[in-house]
Amino acid sequence: MKFERDNYDSDVATLYNKCKEFLYYHIIFIMKDESTFDGIIRNVEANRIIVLVGKDIVKTEYENIPNKQRQYDEDNHRLQRYRCFEPKDVPLTDLTGLYLIPYPSISSQYVYYPYHPAYHLDYPKH
């Protein structure tokens, strides 16, 4: 007979291993109360993890420079958006899941084309 507490211990061990694997990555965390937040795993301990949680900050400047700025609020004030990260302790027992945030892969901007056929010709040397 398998009890729920046996599965609970294996879930915590699985989450601990997943946290170790995703150390310093941007992760979406799902808690037991079904709330979600995103953050970067900074440190993993036996019963808790330390996460840098992003906090959005919107600051308005009362300058009207229409040619230089694209985003304005309804009164034509310039909006500045910042994101700072604050540490937060998260117990492993409160987590139900971790998901890696998929970022698009970055490819180089220079595409390597083959040489022009004329470059392969043997030109006479002077």
N, C-alpha and C. Protein backbone atom coordinates (compact mmCIF):
# COMPACT_ATOMS: atom_id res chain seq x y z
N MET A 1 0.84 -1.17 0.00
CA MET A 1 0.00 0.00 0.00
C MET A 1 0.89 1.24 0.00
N LYS A 2 0.65 2.13 -0.93
CA LYS A 2 1.45 3.34 -1.04
C LYS A 2 0.67 4.51 -0.45
N PHE A 3 1.31 5.17 0.50
CA PHE A 3 0.68 6.31 1.15
C PHE A 3 1.03 7.59 0.41
N GLU A 4 0.23 8.62 0.65
CA GLU A 4 0.48 9.92 0.02
C GLU A 4 1.78 10.53 0.52
N ARG A 5 2.14 10.28 1.77
CA ARG A 5 3.38 10.86 2.33
C ARG A 5 4.62 10.27 1.67
N ASP A 6 4.55 9.02 1.20
CA ASP A 6 5.69 8.43 0.49
C ASP A 6 5.92 9.15 -0.84
N ASN A 7 4.85 9.45 -1.54
CA ASN A 7 4.94 10.18 -2.79
C ASN A 7 5.39 11.61 -2.54
N TYR A 8 4.99 12.18 -1.42
CA TYR A 8 5.34 13.56 -1.07
C TYR A 8 6.84 13.70 -0.91
N ASP A 9 7.49 12.75 -0.24
CA ASP A 9 8.94 12.82 -0.05
C ASP A 9 9.67 12.69 -1.37
N SER A 10 9.18 11.85 -2.26
CA SER A 10 9.85 11.71 -3.55
C SER A 10 9.65 12.96 -4.40
N ASP A 11 8.49 13.65 -4.25
CA ASP A 11 8.27 14.89 -4.98
C ASP A 11 9.23 15.97 -4.53
N VAL A 12 9.48 16.06 -3.22
CA VAL A 12 10.42 17.06 -2.71
C VAL A 12 11.83 16.74 -3.20
N ALA A 13 12.19 15.47 -3.23
CA ALA A 13 13.51 15.09 -3.74
C ALA A 13 13.63 15.40 -5.23
N THR A 14 12.56 15.16 -5.98
CA THR A 14 12.56 15.48 -7.41
C THR A 14 12.69 16.98 -7.64
N LEU A 15 11.94 17.77 -6.86
CA LEU A 15 12.03 19.22 -6.99
C LEU A 15 13.41 19.73 -6.58
N TYR A 16 14.00 19.12 -5.57
CA TYR A 16 15.35 19.51 -5.14
C TYR A 16 16.35 19.26 -6.28
N ASN A 17 16.27 18.10 -6.91
CA ASN A 17 17.17 17.79 -8.03
C ASN A 17 16.93 18.72 -9.22
N LYS A 18 15.67 19.05 -9.47
CA LYS A 18 15.34 19.96 -10.56
C LYS A 18 15.87 21.36 -10.28
N CYS A 19 15.78 21.79 -9.01
CA CYS A 19 16.30 23.11 -8.63
C CYS A 19 17.82 23.15 -8.79
N LYS A 20 18.49 22.07 -8.43
CA LYS A 20 19.94 22.00 -8.61
C LYS A 20 20.30 22.06 -10.10
N GLU A 21 19.48 21.43 -10.93
CA GLU A 21 19.73 21.42 -12.36
C GLU A 21 19.51 22.80 -12.98
N PHE A 22 18.50 23.54 -12.49
CA PHE A 22 18.15 24.84 -13.05
C PHE A 22 18.76 26.00 -12.28
N LEU A 23 19.85 25.79 -11.58
CA LEU A 23 20.51 26.84 -10.81
C LEU A 23 20.97 27.95 -11.76
N TYR A 24 20.65 29.20 -11.42
CA TYR A 24 20.97 30.41 -12.19
C TYR A 24 20.19 30.52 -13.50
N TYR A 25 19.06 29.83 -13.62
CA TYR A 25 18.21 29.95 -14.79
C TYR A 25 16.95 30.72 -14.43
N HIS A 26 16.30 31.30 -15.44
CA HIS A 26 15.04 32.01 -15.26
C HIS A 26 13.91 30.98 -15.31
N ILE A 27 13.17 30.86 -14.21
CA ILE A 27 12.22 29.76 -14.01
C ILE A 27 10.84 30.32 -13.67
N ILE A 28 9.80 29.59 -14.06
CA ILE A 28 8.45 29.86 -13.57
C ILE A 28 8.17 28.88 -12.45
N PHE A 29 7.79 29.39 -11.28
CA PHE A 29 7.51 28.58 -10.11
C PHE A 29 6.00 28.47 -9.93
N ILE A 30 5.52 27.27 -9.61
CA ILE A 30 4.11 27.05 -9.31
C ILE A 30 4.03 26.56 -7.87
N MET A 31 3.25 27.28 -7.06
CA MET A 31 3.15 26.99 -5.63
C MET A 31 1.92 26.11 -5.37
N LYS A 32 1.81 25.61 -4.15
CA LYS A 32 0.68 24.75 -3.79
C LYS A 32 -0.66 25.48 -3.81
N ASP A 33 -0.64 26.79 -3.55
CA ASP A 33 -1.89 27.55 -3.60
C ASP A 33 -2.22 28.02 -5.03
N GLU A 34 -1.57 27.41 -6.02
CA GLU A 34 -1.77 27.64 -7.45
C GLU A 34 -1.35 29.03 -7.90
N SER A 35 -0.57 29.74 -7.11
CA SER A 35 -0.02 31.01 -7.57
C SER A 35 1.27 30.74 -8.33
N THR A 36 1.59 31.61 -9.25
CA THR A 36 2.81 31.47 -10.04
C THR A 36 3.61 32.76 -9.96
N PHE A 37 4.92 32.62 -10.06
CA PHE A 37 5.80 33.77 -10.18
C PHE A 37 7.05 33.31 -10.91
N ASP A 38 7.78 34.28 -11.43
CA ASP A 38 9.01 33.93 -12.13
C ASP A 38 10.19 34.48 -11.36
N GLY A 39 11.32 33.83 -11.52
CA GLY A 39 12.52 34.27 -10.82
C GLY A 39 13.73 33.46 -11.25
N ILE A 40 14.86 33.81 -10.67
CA ILE A 40 16.12 33.15 -10.96
C ILE A 40 16.57 32.42 -9.70
N ILE A 41 16.85 31.14 -9.80
CA ILE A 41 17.31 30.37 -8.64
C ILE A 41 18.74 30.77 -8.34
N ARG A 42 18.94 31.24 -7.11
CA ARG A 42 20.27 31.71 -6.71
C ARG A 42 21.01 30.70 -5.86
N ASN A 43 20.29 30.03 -4.96
CA ASN A 43 20.92 29.08 -4.05
C ASN A 43 19.91 27.99 -3.72
N VAL A 44 20.39 26.76 -3.61
CA VAL A 44 19.54 25.62 -3.26
C VAL A 44 20.08 25.02 -1.97
N GLU A 45 19.21 24.94 -0.96
CA GLU A 45 19.58 24.31 0.30
C GLU A 45 18.71 23.08 0.50
N ALA A 46 18.87 22.40 1.62
CA ALA A 46 18.18 21.13 1.84
C ALA A 46 16.67 21.28 1.87
N ASN A 47 16.16 22.34 2.48
CA ASN A 47 14.71 22.46 2.62
C ASN A 47 14.14 23.75 2.03
N ARG A 48 14.98 24.58 1.42
CA ARG A 48 14.49 25.83 0.82
C ARG A 48 15.40 26.24 -0.32
N ILE A 49 14.88 27.14 -1.14
CA ILE A 49 15.68 27.73 -2.21
C ILE A 49 15.59 29.25 -2.09
N ILE A 50 16.63 29.92 -2.52
CA ILE A 50 16.64 31.37 -2.55
C ILE A 50 16.48 31.79 -4.00
N VAL A 51 15.44 32.58 -4.25
CA VAL A 51 15.06 32.96 -5.61
C VAL A 51 15.14 34.48 -5.73
N LEU A 52 15.68 34.96 -6.84
CA LEU A 52 15.63 36.39 -7.15
C LEU A 52 14.35 36.63 -7.94
N VAL A 53 13.38 37.30 -7.30
CA VAL A 53 12.06 37.51 -7.89
C VAL A 53 12.03 38.88 -8.55
N GLY A 54 11.57 38.94 -9.79
CA GLY A 54 11.49 40.19 -10.53
C GLY A 54 10.36 41.07 -10.06
N LYS A 55 10.64 42.36 -9.98
CA LYS A 55 9.64 43.34 -9.56
C LYS A 55 9.61 44.43 -10.62
N ASP A 56 8.45 44.64 -11.24
CA ASP A 56 8.33 45.65 -12.30
C ASP A 56 8.13 47.02 -11.68
N ILE A 57 8.85 47.98 -12.20
CA ILE A 57 8.76 49.36 -11.73
C ILE A 57 8.47 50.23 -12.94
N VAL A 58 7.43 51.05 -12.84
CA VAL A 58 7.10 51.99 -13.91
C VAL A 58 7.26 53.39 -13.35
N LYS A 59 8.07 54.20 -14.01
CA LYS A 59 8.35 55.55 -13.55
C LYS A 59 7.98 56.50 -14.68
N THR A 60 7.31 57.60 -14.34
CA THR A 60 6.94 58.58 -15.37
C THR A 60 7.80 59.82 -15.21
N GLU A 61 8.17 60.39 -16.32
CA GLU A 61 8.86 61.68 -16.33
C GLU A 61 7.93 62.67 -17.02
N TYR A 62 7.88 63.85 -16.48
CA TYR A 62 6.98 64.86 -17.04
C TYR A 62 7.73 65.70 -18.06
N GLU A 63 8.16 65.04 -19.11
CA GLU A 63 8.81 65.71 -20.24
C GLU A 63 8.05 65.30 -21.49
N ASN A 64 7.94 66.23 -22.38
CA ASN A 64 7.25 65.93 -23.62
C ASN A 64 8.25 66.01 -24.76
N ILE A 65 8.81 64.87 -25.12
CA ILE A 65 9.77 64.78 -26.21
C ILE A 65 9.19 63.78 -27.22
N PRO A 66 8.32 64.24 -28.11
CA PRO A 66 7.62 63.28 -28.96
C PRO A 66 8.50 62.59 -30.00
N ASN A 67 9.59 63.21 -30.42
CA ASN A 67 10.41 62.60 -31.46
C ASN A 67 11.32 61.51 -30.93
N LYS A 68 11.62 61.52 -29.65
CA LYS A 68 12.59 60.58 -29.11
C LYS A 68 11.96 59.39 -28.39
N GLN A 69 10.73 59.52 -27.96
CA GLN A 69 10.11 58.45 -27.18
C GLN A 69 8.89 57.91 -27.90
N ARG A 70 8.65 56.62 -27.75
CA ARG A 70 7.51 55.99 -28.41
C ARG A 70 6.36 55.71 -27.46
N GLN A 71 6.66 55.39 -26.22
CA GLN A 71 5.60 54.97 -25.30
C GLN A 71 5.25 56.11 -24.36
N TYR A 72 3.98 56.42 -24.32
CA TYR A 72 3.48 57.49 -23.46
C TYR A 72 2.24 57.00 -22.74
N ASP A 73 1.96 57.61 -21.59
CA ASP A 73 0.68 57.33 -20.95
C ASP A 73 -0.36 58.28 -21.54
N GLU A 74 -1.55 58.33 -20.94
CA GLU A 74 -2.63 59.10 -21.55
C GLU A 74 -2.41 60.61 -21.51
N ASP A 75 -1.52 61.12 -20.65
CA ASP A 75 -1.26 62.56 -20.58
C ASP A 75 0.02 62.96 -21.31
N ASN A 76 0.51 62.11 -22.19
CA ASN A 76 1.75 62.33 -22.94
C ASN A 76 2.97 62.48 -22.04
N HIS A 77 2.99 61.76 -20.95
CA HIS A 77 4.18 61.71 -20.10
C HIS A 77 4.97 60.46 -20.46
N ARG A 78 6.27 60.61 -20.46
CA ARG A 78 7.12 59.49 -20.86
C ARG A 78 7.13 58.42 -19.78
N LEU A 79 6.96 57.17 -20.19
CA LEU A 79 7.00 56.04 -19.26
C LEU A 79 8.37 55.39 -19.30
N GLN A 80 8.92 55.09 -18.14
CA GLN A 80 10.16 54.35 -18.05
C GLN A 80 9.88 53.08 -17.28
N ARG A 81 10.28 51.96 -17.83
CA ARG A 81 10.04 50.67 -17.19
C ARG A 81 11.36 50.07 -16.77
N TYR A 82 11.37 49.61 -15.53
CA TYR A 82 12.55 48.96 -14.97
C TYR A 82 12.12 47.63 -14.38
N ARG A 83 13.08 46.76 -14.18
CA ARG A 83 12.82 45.51 -13.48
C ARG A 83 13.99 45.24 -12.57
N CYS A 84 13.71 45.19 -11.28
CA CYS A 84 14.77 44.86 -10.33
C CYS A 84 14.41 43.52 -9.68
N PHE A 85 15.42 42.83 -9.19
CA PHE A 85 15.23 41.51 -8.62
C PHE A 85 15.54 41.55 -7.13
N GLU A 86 14.64 41.00 -6.33
CA GLU A 86 14.80 40.95 -4.88
C GLU A 86 14.84 39.49 -4.44
N PRO A 87 15.69 39.17 -3.45
CA PRO A 87 15.76 37.77 -2.98
C PRO A 87 14.52 37.38 -2.19
N LYS A 88 14.12 36.12 -2.33
CA LYS A 88 12.96 35.59 -1.62
C LYS A 88 13.25 34.14 -1.25
N ASP A 89 12.95 33.77 -0.01
CA ASP A 89 13.10 32.38 0.44
C ASP A 89 11.83 31.61 0.09
N VAL A 90 12.00 30.48 -0.57
CA VAL A 90 10.86 29.64 -0.94
C VAL A 90 11.10 28.25 -0.37
N PRO A 91 10.24 27.77 0.53
CA PRO A 91 10.39 26.40 1.03
C PRO A 91 10.08 25.39 -0.08
N LEU A 92 10.86 24.32 -0.12
CA LEU A 92 10.63 23.29 -1.13
C LEU A 92 9.28 22.60 -0.94
N THR A 93 8.78 22.59 0.28
CA THR A 93 7.50 21.92 0.54
C THR A 93 6.32 22.70 -0.04
N ASP A 94 6.51 23.99 -0.36
CA ASP A 94 5.43 24.79 -0.93
C ASP A 94 5.39 24.75 -2.45
N LEU A 95 6.41 24.18 -3.08
CA LEU A 95 6.47 24.13 -4.54
C LEU A 95 5.74 22.90 -5.08
N THR A 96 5.10 23.07 -6.22
CA THR A 96 4.54 21.91 -6.91
C THR A 96 5.18 21.71 -8.28
N GLY A 97 5.79 22.75 -8.84
CA GLY A 97 6.41 22.58 -10.15
C GLY A 97 7.34 23.70 -10.52
N LEU A 98 8.28 23.38 -11.39
CA LEU A 98 9.23 24.34 -11.95
C LEU A 98 9.22 24.19 -13.46
N TYR A 99 9.22 25.31 -14.16
CA TYR A 99 9.26 25.27 -15.61
C TYR A 99 10.28 26.28 -16.11
N LEU A 100 11.14 25.83 -16.98
CA LEU A 100 12.15 26.69 -17.57
C LEU A 100 11.48 27.62 -18.57
N ILE A 101 11.81 28.91 -18.52
CA ILE A 101 11.23 29.87 -19.46
C ILE A 101 11.94 29.71 -20.80
N PRO A 102 11.20 29.40 -21.85
CA PRO A 102 11.86 29.20 -23.15
C PRO A 102 12.18 30.53 -23.82
N TYR A 103 13.44 30.78 -24.00
CA TYR A 103 13.89 31.94 -24.75
C TYR A 103 14.27 31.48 -26.15
N PRO A 104 14.07 32.34 -27.16
CA PRO A 104 14.47 31.92 -28.51
C PRO A 104 15.98 31.81 -28.61
N SER A 105 16.42 30.89 -29.41
CA SER A 105 17.87 30.73 -29.57
C SER A 105 18.42 31.90 -30.37
N ILE A 106 19.58 32.34 -29.99
CA ILE A 106 20.20 33.49 -30.64
C ILE A 106 21.18 32.96 -31.68
N SER A 107 20.94 33.33 -32.91
CA SER A 107 21.85 32.91 -33.98
C SER A 107 22.70 34.11 -34.38
N SER A 108 23.80 33.83 -35.00
CA SER A 108 24.68 34.92 -35.42
C SER A 108 24.03 35.69 -36.56
N GLN A 109 24.32 36.97 -36.63
CA GLN A 109 23.71 37.79 -37.66
C GLN A 109 24.42 37.64 -39.00
N TYR A 110 25.66 37.21 -38.96
CA TYR A 110 26.41 37.03 -40.20
C TYR A 110 26.17 35.63 -40.72
N VAL A 111 25.65 35.55 -41.91
CA VAL A 111 25.39 34.26 -42.52
C VAL A 111 26.57 33.95 -43.44
N TYR A 112 27.13 32.79 -43.25
CA TYR A 112 28.31 32.41 -44.03
C TYR A 112 27.88 31.90 -45.39
N TYR A 113 28.09 32.72 -46.39
CA TYR A 113 27.77 32.33 -47.75
C TYR A 113 29.00 31.70 -48.39
N PRO A 114 28.78 30.84 -49.36
CA PRO A 114 29.96 30.29 -50.05
C PRO A 114 30.62 31.38 -50.90
N TYR A 115 31.86 31.16 -51.19
CA TYR A 115 32.58 32.14 -52.01
C TYR A 115 31.99 32.20 -53.41
N HIS A 116 32.19 33.32 -54.04
CA HIS A 116 31.76 33.50 -55.42
C HIS A 116 32.58 32.56 -56.30
N PRO A 117 32.00 31.97 -57.34
CA PRO A 117 32.75 31.03 -58.17
C PRO A 117 34.00 31.64 -58.80
N ALA A 118 34.00 32.94 -59.04
CA ALA A 118 35.17 33.56 -59.66
C ALA A 118 36.39 33.50 -58.74
N TYR A 119 36.19 33.40 -57.45
CA TYR A 119 37.32 33.35 -56.53
C TYR A 119 38.05 32.01 -56.60
N HIS A 120 37.44 31.02 -57.16
CA HIS A 120 38.08 29.71 -57.24
C HIS A 120 38.89 29.53 -58.52
N LEU A 121 38.84 30.50 -59.40
CA LEU A 121 39.58 30.39 -60.66
C LEU A 121 41.06 30.65 -60.40
N ASP A 122 41.86 30.00 -61.17
CA ASP A 122 43.31 30.22 -61.06
C ASP A 122 43.69 31.39 -61.97
N TYR A 123 44.00 32.50 -61.36
CA TYR A 123 44.42 33.66 -62.12
C TYR A 123 45.93 33.62 -62.31
N PRO A 124 46.40 34.15 -63.42
CA PRO A 124 47.87 34.17 -63.62
C PRO A 124 48.53 35.10 -62.61
N LYS A 125 49.66 34.70 -62.11
CA LYS A 125 50.39 35.50 -61.14
C LYS A 125 51.41 36.35 -61.88
N HIS A 126 51.56 37.56 -61.53
CA HIS A 126 52.48 38.48 -62.20
C HIS A 126 53.78 38.54 -61.48
